Amino acid sequence: MSQFILSNPNFAPMVGLVQLNRPKELNALNLELMGQLRDALVEMDENPDIRCIIVTGNERAFAAGADIKQMAGKNAIDMLKIDQFSTWDTIRRVKKPIIAAVSGFALGGGHELCMLCDMIIASETAKFGQPEINIGVMPGAGGTQRMARVVGKVNVMELVLTGKFIDAQRAYELGLVNRVVPVELYLEEATKLATEICQKSPLAVQAAKESILKAYETPLQEGLAFERKNFYMLFATEDQKEGMAAFVEKRKADFKGK
């Protein structure tokens, strides 16, 4: 078991769970934790028995930001050589859907990690924000980019330039989270969502995830062409044959991921 994460590939049928585990530091994201998180997610992505992944922290904090102590004495060249964001790029390439189950603080890098996931279930106690401006820097792991694509210019400007936090309900209103639930239910609700996704064709789920993410990176016509290619490709799978046969025969499909 790693020092900074807890990994359970058998958390629920076909659902893997990764829990950030630096409670004394409110799960601050240092290089070691992010490296272990990357490795756990890549391992689960390659595990044929897992179809969906949940990333969580604890009730007090999902992750309260980056580990400032690890960065405080660095200069620009040091940060360039560390290349910490290559880890984030690897996580971005995970093919299986990732759900963030968030309670307590999700700030700075913690908020950016949430947005790197595909869906977010938040407890009523969750607090989101990008407070980097308060320590003389700015978001560096997607806080100005991913959030702008969701909440729009004026909202991301306010959140990033003031560094203020928002509660779970406001995050829901802005479209940052899927739903808000009582604190005792946030992991259960994330598991329900993951389990529902696991009942679908894993090949179709992964192709759909890839296509949705493409919408944030390409012009419409290029995105439509990419979507069409993935749509056609799925007709080469056994899951497509099974899914359509099950529909015609009015029964539940049994998807094998083939």
C-alpha atoms as a PDB file:
ATOM      1  CA  MET A   1       0.000   0.000   0.000  1.00  0.00           C
ATOM      2  CA  SER A   2       1.427   3.401  -0.981  1.00  0.00           C
ATOM      3  CA  GLN A   3       1.997   6.147   1.567  1.00  0.00           C
ATOM      4  CA  PHE A   4      -0.202   8.815   0.009  1.00  0.00           C
ATOM      5  CA  ILE A   5      -3.062   6.965  -1.693  1.00  0.00           C
ATOM      6  CA  LEU A   6      -5.308   4.026  -0.922  1.00  0.00           C
ATOM      7  CA  SER A   7      -6.203   1.975  -3.977  1.00  0.00           C
ATOM      8  CA  ASN A   8      -9.036  -0.558  -4.114  1.00  0.00           C
ATOM      9  CA  PRO A   9      -9.659  -2.115  -7.540  1.00  0.00           C
ATOM     10  CA  ASN A  10     -12.472  -4.235  -6.056  1.00  0.00           C
ATOM     11  CA  PHE A  11     -14.403  -1.433  -4.366  1.00  0.00           C
ATOM     12  CA  ALA A  12     -17.645  -2.395  -6.121  1.00  0.00           C
ATOM     13  CA  PRO A  13     -18.345  -4.647  -9.112  1.00  0.00           C
ATOM     14  CA  MET A  14     -16.313  -3.210 -12.008  1.00  0.00           C
ATOM     15  CA  VAL A  15     -15.598   0.014 -10.024  1.00  0.00           C
ATOM     16  CA  GLY A  16     -12.129   0.985  -8.835  1.00  0.00           C
ATOM     17  CA  LEU A  17     -11.552   3.428  -5.963  1.00  0.00           C
ATOM     18  CA  VAL A  18      -8.538   5.658  -5.402  1.00  0.00           C
ATOM     19  CA  GLN A  19      -8.436   7.647  -2.155  1.00  0.00           C
ATOM     20  CA  LEU A  20      -5.998  10.484  -1.525  1.00  0.00           C
ATOM     21  CA  ASN A  21      -4.448   9.774   1.865  1.00  0.00           C
ATOM     22  CA  ARG A  22      -2.544  12.696   3.404  1.00  0.00           C
ATOM     23  CA  PRO A  23      -5.129  13.664   6.029  1.00  0.00           C
ATOM     24  CA  LYS A  24      -2.800  15.781   8.189  1.00  0.00           C
ATOM     25  CA  GLU A  25      -1.958  17.907   5.130  1.00  0.00           C
ATOM     26  CA  LEU A  26      -5.586  17.993   3.907  1.00  0.00           C
ATOM     27  CA  ASN A  27      -4.431  15.829   0.993  1.00  0.00           C
ATOM     28  CA  ALA A  28      -2.156  18.536  -0.397  1.00  0.00           C
ATOM     29  CA  LEU A  29      -0.920  17.396  -3.802  1.00  0.00           C
ATOM     30  CA  ASN A  30       2.821  16.902  -3.632  1.00  0.00           C
ATOM     31  CA  LEU A  31       4.858  15.234  -6.361  1.00  0.00           C
ATOM     32  CA  GLU A  32       4.818  11.850  -4.626  1.00  0.00           C
ATOM     33  CA  LEU A  33       1.048  11.768  -4.228  1.00  0.00           C
ATOM     34  CA  MET A  34       0.442  12.813  -7.827  1.00  0.00           C
ATOM     35  CA  GLY A  35       2.879  10.183  -9.065  1.00  0.00           C
ATOM     36  CA  GLN A  36       1.139   7.484  -7.059  1.00  0.00           C
ATOM     37  CA  LEU A  37      -2.259   8.692  -8.223  1.00  0.00           C
ATOM     38  CA  ARG A  38      -1.098   8.567 -11.839  1.00  0.00           C
ATOM     39  CA  ASP A  39       0.253   5.031 -11.415  1.00  0.00           C
ATOM     40  CA  ALA A  40      -2.935   3.797  -9.720  1.00  0.00           C
ATOM     41  CA  LEU A  41      -5.158   5.281 -12.423  1.00  0.00           C
ATOM     42  CA  VAL A  42      -3.030   3.868 -15.243  1.00  0.00           C
ATOM     43  CA  GLU A  43      -3.094   0.439 -13.597  1.00  0.00           C
ATOM     44  CA  MET A  44      -6.878   0.562 -13.278  1.00  0.00           C
ATOM     45  CA  ASP A  45      -7.191   1.806 -16.842  1.00  0.00           C
ATOM     46  CA  GLU A  46      -5.364  -1.329 -17.977  1.00  0.00           C
ATOM     47  CA  ASN A  47      -7.376  -3.665 -15.713  1.00  0.00           C
ATOM     48  CA  PRO A  48     -10.101  -5.373 -17.809  1.00  0.00           C
ATOM     49  CA  ASP A  49     -12.198  -5.989 -14.700  1.00  0.00           C
ATOM     50  CA  ILE A  50     -12.618  -2.252 -14.038  1.00  0.00           C
ATOM     51  CA  ARG A  51     -14.966  -0.128 -16.134  1.00  0.00           C
ATOM     52  CA  CYS A  52     -15.206   3.085 -14.091  1.00  0.00           C
ATOM     53  CA  ILE A  53     -12.971   4.767 -11.492  1.00  0.00           C
ATOM     54  CA  ILE A  54     -13.759   6.950  -8.466  1.00  0.00           C
ATOM     55  CA  VAL A  55     -11.209   9.368  -7.008  1.00  0.00           C
ATOM     56  CA  THR A  56     -11.921  10.729  -3.540  1.00  0.00           C
ATOM     57  CA  GLY A  57     -10.340  12.163  -0.405  1.00  0.00           C
ATOM     58  CA  ASN A  58     -12.024  12.250   3.000  1.00  0.00           C
ATOM     59  CA  GLU A  59     -14.919  14.166   4.523  1.00  0.00           C
ATOM     60  CA  ARG A  60     -12.707  17.101   5.498  1.00  0.00           C
ATOM     61  CA  ALA A  61     -10.872  17.531   2.205  1.00  0.00           C
ATOM     62  CA  PHE A  62     -10.739  16.158  -1.294  1.00  0.00           C
ATOM     63  CA  ALA A  63      -7.479  18.067  -1.726  1.00  0.00           C
ATOM     64  CA  ALA A  64      -6.765  21.504  -0.291  1.00  0.00           C
ATOM     65  CA  GLY A  65      -4.336  22.442  -3.050  1.00  0.00           C
ATOM     66  CA  ALA A  66      -0.763  21.860  -4.081  1.00  0.00           C
ATOM     67  CA  ASP A  67       1.938  21.323  -1.473  1.00  0.00           C
ATOM     68  CA  ILE A  68       3.241  24.892  -1.219  1.00  0.00           C
ATOM     69  CA  LYS A  69       6.203  23.864   0.961  1.00  0.00           C
ATOM     70  CA  GLN A  70       7.487  21.776  -1.939  1.00  0.00           C
ATOM     71  CA  MET A  71       7.390  24.758  -4.306  1.00  0.00           C
ATOM     72  CA  ALA A  72       8.193  27.789  -2.145  1.00  0.00           C
ATOM     73  CA  GLY A  73      11.954  27.794  -2.710  1.00  0.00           C
ATOM     74  CA  LYS A  74      11.904  26.957  -6.416  1.00  0.00           C
ATOM     75  CA  ASN A  75      12.698  29.282  -9.314  1.00  0.00           C
ATOM     76  CA  ALA A  76      11.303  29.182 -12.830  1.00  0.00           C
ATOM     77  CA  ILE A  77      14.013  26.850 -14.141  1.00  0.00           C
ATOM     78  CA  ASP A  78      13.522  24.475 -11.219  1.00  0.00           C
ATOM     79  CA  MET A  79       9.811  24.268 -11.958  1.00  0.00           C
ATOM     80  CA  LEU A  80      10.448  23.696 -15.648  1.00  0.00           C
ATOM     81  CA  LYS A  81      12.841  20.835 -14.900  1.00  0.00           C
ATOM     82  CA  ILE A  82      10.466  19.196 -12.435  1.00  0.00           C
ATOM     83  CA  ASP A  83       7.841  19.083 -15.199  1.00  0.00           C
ATOM     84  CA  GLN A  84       5.118  18.270 -12.691  1.00  0.00           C
ATOM     85  CA  PHE A  85       2.326  18.683 -15.218  1.00  0.00           C
ATOM     86  CA  SER A  86       3.440  15.696 -17.290  1.00  0.00           C
ATOM     87  CA  THR A  87       1.772  13.613 -14.570  1.00  0.00           C
ATOM     88  CA  TRP A  88      -1.472  15.502 -15.130  1.00  0.00           C
ATOM     89  CA  ASP A  89      -1.191  14.897 -18.882  1.00  0.00           C
ATOM     90  CA  THR A  90      -0.938  11.155 -18.267  1.00  0.00           C
ATOM     91  CA  ILE A  91      -4.061  11.226 -16.078  1.00  0.00           C
ATOM     92  CA  ARG A  92      -5.883  13.174 -18.795  1.00  0.00           C
ATOM     93  CA  ARG A  93      -5.226  10.280 -21.186  1.00  0.00           C
ATOM     94  CA  VAL A  94      -6.926   7.659 -18.982  1.00  0.00           C
ATOM     95  CA  LYS A  95      -9.604   6.128 -21.203  1.00  0.00           C
ATOM     96  CA  LYS A  96     -12.067   4.951 -18.588  1.00  0.00           C
ATOM     97  CA  PRO A  97     -14.445   7.470 -17.001  1.00  0.00           C
ATOM     98  CA  ILE A  98     -13.277   8.988 -13.717  1.00  0.00           C
ATOM     99  CA  ILE A  99     -15.698  10.346 -11.120  1.00  0.00           C
ATOM    100  CA  ALA A 100     -14.493  12.710  -8.403  1.00  0.00           C
ATOM    101  CA  ALA A 101     -16.339  12.204  -5.088  1.00  0.00           C
ATOM    102  CA  VAL A 102     -15.735  15.469  -3.253  1.00  0.00           C
ATOM    103  CA  SER A 103     -16.290  16.498   0.344  1.00  0.00           C
ATOM    104  CA  GLY A 104     -14.727  19.440   2.132  1.00  0.00           C
ATOM    105  CA  PHE A 105     -11.998  21.482   0.474  1.00  0.00           C
ATOM    106  CA  ALA A 106     -11.229  21.167  -3.230  1.00  0.00           C
ATOM    107  CA  LEU A 107      -8.946  24.134  -3.724  1.00  0.00           C
ATOM    108  CA  GLY A 108      -6.206  25.099  -6.149  1.00  0.00           C
ATOM    109  CA  GLY A 109      -4.699  21.909  -7.499  1.00  0.00           C
ATOM    110  CA  GLY A 110      -7.451  19.967  -5.752  1.00  0.00           C
ATOM    111  CA  HIS A 111     -10.083  21.846  -7.728  1.00  0.00           C
ATOM    112  CA  GLU A 112      -8.061  21.366 -10.906  1.00  0.00           C
ATOM    113  CA  LEU A 113      -7.853  17.637 -10.178  1.00  0.00           C
ATOM    114  CA  CYS A 114     -11.664  17.546  -9.859  1.00  0.00           C
ATOM    115  CA  MET A 115     -11.995  19.220 -13.242  1.00  0.00           C
ATOM    116  CA  LEU A 116      -9.507  16.758 -14.726  1.00  0.00           C
ATOM    117  CA  CYS A 117     -11.992  14.027 -13.809  1.00  0.00           C
ATOM    118  CA  ASP A 118     -15.028  13.453 -16.017  1.00  0.00           C
ATOM    119  CA  MET A 119     -17.822  13.918 -13.469  1.00  0.00           C
ATOM    120  CA  ILE A 120     -18.061  15.335  -9.946  1.00  0.00           C
ATOM    121  CA  ILE A 121     -20.359  14.330  -7.097  1.00  0.00           C
ATOM    122  CA  ALA A 122     -20.134  16.873  -4.262  1.00  0.00           C
ATOM    123  CA  SER A 123     -21.202  16.737  -0.653  1.00  0.00           C
ATOM    124  CA  GLU A 124     -23.030  19.717   0.828  1.00  0.00           C
ATOM    125  CA  THR A 125     -19.834  20.615   2.681  1.00  0.00           C
ATOM    126  CA  ALA A 126     -17.671  20.878  -0.436  1.00  0.00           C
ATOM    127  CA  LYS A 127     -15.801  24.132  -1.086  1.00  0.00           C
ATOM    128  CA  PHE A 128     -14.248  24.879  -4.470  1.00  0.00           C
ATOM    129  CA  GLY A 129     -11.805  27.580  -5.447  1.00  0.00           C
ATOM    130  CA  GLN A 130      -8.561  28.713  -7.065  1.00  0.00           C
ATOM    131  CA  PRO A 131      -6.799  30.737  -4.319  1.00  0.00           C
ATOM    132  CA  GLU A 132      -3.372  30.832  -6.002  1.00  0.00           C
ATOM    133  CA  ILE A 133      -3.662  34.581  -6.520  1.00  0.00           C
ATOM    134  CA  ASN A 134      -3.339  34.997  -2.733  1.00  0.00           C
ATOM    135  CA  ILE A 135       0.214  33.627  -2.771  1.00  0.00           C
ATOM    136  CA  GLY A 136       1.422  35.548  -5.799  1.00  0.00           C
ATOM    137  CA  VAL A 137       0.892  33.000  -8.547  1.00  0.00           C
ATOM    138  CA  MET A 138      -2.007  31.696 -10.655  1.00  0.00           C
ATOM    139  CA  PRO A 139      -3.533  28.318 -11.514  1.00  0.00           C
ATOM    140  CA  GLY A 140      -1.184  26.125 -13.527  1.00  0.00           C
ATOM    141  CA  ALA A 141      -2.983  22.787 -13.936  1.00  0.00           C
ATOM    142  CA  GLY A 142      -6.035  23.885 -15.888  1.00  0.00           C
ATOM    143  CA  GLY A 143      -7.763  26.280 -13.508  1.00  0.00           C
ATOM    144  CA  THR A 144      -7.979  29.097 -16.047  1.00  0.00           C
ATOM    145  CA  GLN A 145      -8.678  26.809 -19.007  1.00  0.00           C
ATOM    146  CA  ARG A 146     -10.992  23.960 -18.011  1.00  0.00           C
ATOM    147  CA  MET A 147     -13.061  26.161 -15.744  1.00  0.00           C
ATOM    148  CA  ALA A 148     -13.458  28.852 -18.412  1.00  0.00           C
ATOM    149  CA  ARG A 149     -14.938  26.267 -20.766  1.00  0.00           C
ATOM    150  CA  VAL A 150     -17.584  25.422 -18.169  1.00  0.00           C
ATOM    151  CA  VAL A 151     -18.492  28.590 -16.279  1.00  0.00           C
ATOM    152  CA  GLY A 152     -17.620  31.298 -18.837  1.00  0.00           C
ATOM    153  CA  LYS A 153     -15.276  34.296 -18.796  1.00  0.00           C
ATOM    154  CA  VAL A 154     -16.863  36.534 -16.190  1.00  0.00           C
ATOM    155  CA  ASN A 155     -17.250  33.786 -13.605  1.00  0.00           C
ATOM    156  CA  VAL A 156     -13.776  32.338 -14.019  1.00  0.00           C
ATOM    157  CA  MET A 157     -12.313  35.851 -13.917  1.00  0.00           C
ATOM    158  CA  GLU A 158     -14.003  36.518 -10.582  1.00  0.00           C
ATOM    159  CA  LEU A 159     -13.030  33.199  -9.048  1.00  0.00           C
ATOM    160  CA  VAL A 160      -9.391  33.263 -10.179  1.00  0.00           C
ATOM    161  CA  LEU A 161      -8.696  36.983  -9.667  1.00  0.00           C
ATOM    162  CA  THR A 162     -10.232  37.128  -6.184  1.00  0.00           C
ATOM    163  CA  GLY A 163      -9.252  33.649  -5.022  1.00  0.00           C
ATOM    164  CA  LYS A 164     -12.554  33.275  -3.200  1.00  0.00           C
ATOM    165  CA  PHE A 165     -14.226  29.952  -2.498  1.00  0.00           C
ATOM    166  CA  ILE A 166     -17.678  28.860  -3.604  1.00  0.00           C
ATOM    167  CA  ASP A 167     -19.891  26.284  -1.938  1.00  0.00           C
ATOM    168  CA  ALA A 168     -21.238  23.128  -3.523  1.00  0.00           C
ATOM    169  CA  GLN A 169     -24.586  24.650  -4.446  1.00  0.00           C
ATOM    170  CA  ARG A 170     -22.942  27.535  -6.307  1.00  0.00           C
ATOM    171  CA  ALA A 171     -20.631  25.069  -8.058  1.00  0.00           C
ATOM    172  CA  TYR A 172     -23.717  23.138  -9.152  1.00  0.00           C
ATOM    173  CA  GLU A 173     -25.370  26.308 -10.445  1.00  0.00           C
ATOM    174  CA  LEU A 174     -22.252  27.081 -12.487  1.00  0.00           C
ATOM    175  CA  GLY A 175     -22.173  23.580 -13.966  1.00  0.00           C
ATOM    176  CA  LEU A 176     -18.980  22.497 -12.212  1.00  0.00           C
ATOM    177  CA  VAL A 177     -20.542  19.491 -10.458  1.00  0.00           C
ATOM    178  CA  ASN A 178     -23.151  16.916 -11.428  1.00  0.00           C
ATOM    179  CA  ARG A 179     -25.078  16.929  -8.161  1.00  0.00           C
ATOM    180  CA  VAL A 180     -24.901  17.865  -4.488  1.00  0.00           C
ATOM    181  CA  VAL A 181     -25.839  15.355  -1.787  1.00  0.00           C
ATOM    182  CA  PRO A 182     -25.619  15.116   2.017  1.00  0.00           C
ATOM    183  CA  VAL A 183     -22.105  14.492   3.269  1.00  0.00           C
ATOM    184  CA  GLU A 184     -22.887  10.951   4.400  1.00  0.00           C
ATOM    185  CA  LEU A 185     -23.978  10.036   0.853  1.00  0.00           C
ATOM    186  CA  TYR A 186     -21.382  11.574  -1.458  1.00  0.00           C
ATOM    187  CA  LEU A 187     -19.313   8.407  -1.955  1.00  0.00           C
ATOM    188  CA  GLU A 188     -22.436   6.258  -2.170  1.00  0.00           C
ATOM    189  CA  GLU A 189     -23.884   8.553  -4.839  1.00  0.00           C
ATOM    190  CA  ALA A 190     -20.633   8.457  -6.821  1.00  0.00           C
ATOM    191  CA  THR A 191     -20.700   4.662  -6.602  1.00  0.00           C
ATOM    192  CA  LYS A 192     -24.268   4.557  -7.901  1.00  0.00           C
ATOM    193  CA  LEU A 193     -23.274   6.682 -10.879  1.00  0.00           C
ATOM    194  CA  ALA A 194     -20.183   4.561 -11.541  1.00  0.00           C
ATOM    195  CA  THR A 195     -22.214   1.346 -11.294  1.00  0.00           C
ATOM    196  CA  GLU A 196     -24.771   2.659 -13.776  1.00  0.00           C
ATOM    197  CA  ILE A 197     -22.008   3.487 -16.256  1.00  0.00           C
ATOM    198  CA  CYS A 198     -20.463   0.052 -15.739  1.00  0.00           C
ATOM    199  CA  GLN A 199     -23.624  -1.564 -17.129  1.00  0.00           C
ATOM    200  CA  LYS A 200     -23.016   0.014 -20.530  1.00  0.00           C
ATOM    201  CA  SER A 201     -20.637  -1.153 -23.237  1.00  0.00           C
ATOM    202  CA  PRO A 202     -17.149  -0.190 -22.011  1.00  0.00           C
ATOM    203  CA  LEU A 203     -15.994   0.341 -25.585  1.00  0.00           C
ATOM    204  CA  ALA A 204     -18.875   2.716 -26.295  1.00  0.00           C
ATOM    205  CA  VAL A 205     -18.306   4.521 -22.981  1.00  0.00           C
ATOM    206  CA  GLN A 206     -14.645   5.085 -23.737  1.00  0.00           C
ATOM    207  CA  ALA A 207     -15.334   6.223 -27.304  1.00  0.00           C
ATOM    208  CA  ALA A 208     -18.019   8.612 -26.049  1.00  0.00           C
ATOM    209  CA  LYS A 209     -15.714  10.024 -23.367  1.00  0.00           C
ATOM    210  CA  GLU A 210     -13.011  10.580 -25.970  1.00  0.00           C
ATOM    211  CA  SER A 211     -15.468  12.340 -28.267  1.00  0.00           C
ATOM    212  CA  ILE A 212     -16.878  14.593 -25.529  1.00  0.00           C
ATOM    213  CA  LEU A 213     -13.399  15.699 -24.471  1.00  0.00           C
ATOM    214  CA  LYS A 214     -12.598  16.427 -28.113  1.00  0.00           C
ATOM    215  CA  ALA A 215     -15.399  19.019 -28.116  1.00  0.00           C
ATOM    216  CA  TYR A 216     -13.302  21.180 -25.768  1.00  0.00           C
ATOM    217  CA  GLU A 217     -10.241  21.054 -28.007  1.00  0.00           C
ATOM    218  CA  THR A 218     -11.443  21.387 -31.600  1.00  0.00           C
ATOM    219  CA  PRO A 219     -13.709  23.469 -33.849  1.00  0.00           C
ATOM    220  CA  LEU A 220     -17.207  22.061 -34.377  1.00  0.00           C
ATOM    221  CA  GLN A 221     -16.652  20.530 -37.818  1.00  0.00           C
ATOM    222  CA  GLU A 222     -13.490  18.751 -36.718  1.00  0.00           C
ATOM    223  CA  GLY A 223     -15.249  17.509 -33.600  1.00  0.00           C
ATOM    224  CA  LEU A 224     -18.177  16.208 -35.626  1.00  0.00           C
ATOM    225  CA  ALA A 225     -15.814  14.307 -37.910  1.00  0.00           C
ATOM    226  CA  PHE A 226     -14.108  12.753 -34.876  1.00  0.00           C
ATOM    227  CA  GLU A 227     -17.460  11.803 -33.347  1.00  0.00           C
ATOM    228  CA  ARG A 228     -18.587  10.198 -36.620  1.00  0.00           C
ATOM    229  CA  LYS A 229     -15.399   8.148 -36.843  1.00  0.00           C
ATOM    230  CA  ASN A 230     -15.913   6.768 -33.329  1.00  0.00           C
ATOM    231  CA  PHE A 231     -19.586   6.081 -34.077  1.00  0.00           C
ATOM    232  CA  TYR A 232     -18.708   4.022 -37.159  1.00  0.00           C
ATOM    233  CA  MET A 233     -15.870   2.244 -35.346  1.00  0.00           C
ATOM    234  CA  LEU A 234     -18.262   0.874 -32.716  1.00  0.00           C
ATOM    235  CA  PHE A 235     -20.093  -1.090 -35.432  1.00  0.00           C
ATOM    236  CA  ALA A 236     -17.036  -3.346 -35.533  1.00  0.00           C
ATOM    237  CA  THR A 237     -17.629  -4.461 -31.925  1.00  0.00           C
ATOM    238  CA  GLU A 238     -19.498  -7.421 -30.478  1.00  0.00           C
ATOM    239  CA  ASP A 239     -21.054  -5.047 -27.942  1.00  0.00           C
ATOM    240  CA  GLN A 240     -22.854  -3.186 -30.728  1.00  0.00           C
ATOM    241  CA  LYS A 241     -24.317  -6.428 -32.050  1.00  0.00           C
ATOM    242  CA  GLU A 242     -25.362  -7.476 -28.533  1.00  0.00           C
ATOM    243  CA  GLY A 243     -26.807  -4.077 -27.650  1.00  0.00           C
ATOM    244  CA  MET A 244     -28.959  -3.785 -30.743  1.00  0.00           C
ATOM    245  CA  ALA A 245     -30.063  -7.435 -30.560  1.00  0.00           C
ATOM    246  CA  ALA A 246     -31.066  -6.936 -26.923  1.00  0.00           C
ATOM    247  CA  PHE A 247     -33.076  -3.856 -27.858  1.00  0.00           C
ATOM    248  CA  VAL A 248     -34.940  -5.700 -30.623  1.00  0.00           C
ATOM    249  CA  GLU A 249     -35.518  -8.712 -28.363  1.00  0.00           C
ATOM    250  CA  LYS A 250     -36.609  -6.487 -25.431  1.00  0.00           C
ATOM    251  CA  ARG A 251     -34.057  -7.842 -22.967  1.00  0.00           C
ATOM    252  CA  LYS A 252     -31.134  -6.438 -20.992  1.00  0.00           C
ATOM    253  CA  ALA A 253     -27.874  -6.338 -22.921  1.00  0.00           C
ATOM    254  CA  ASP A 254     -24.871  -8.257 -21.619  1.00  0.00           C
ATOM    255  CA  PHE A 255     -21.857  -6.208 -22.686  1.00  0.00           C
ATOM    256  CA  LYS A 256     -18.450  -7.923 -22.691  1.00  0.00           C
ATOM    257  CA  GLY A 257     -16.217  -5.092 -23.830  1.00  0.00           C
ATOM    258  CA  LYS A 258     -15.400  -6.793 -27.118  1.00  0.00           C
END
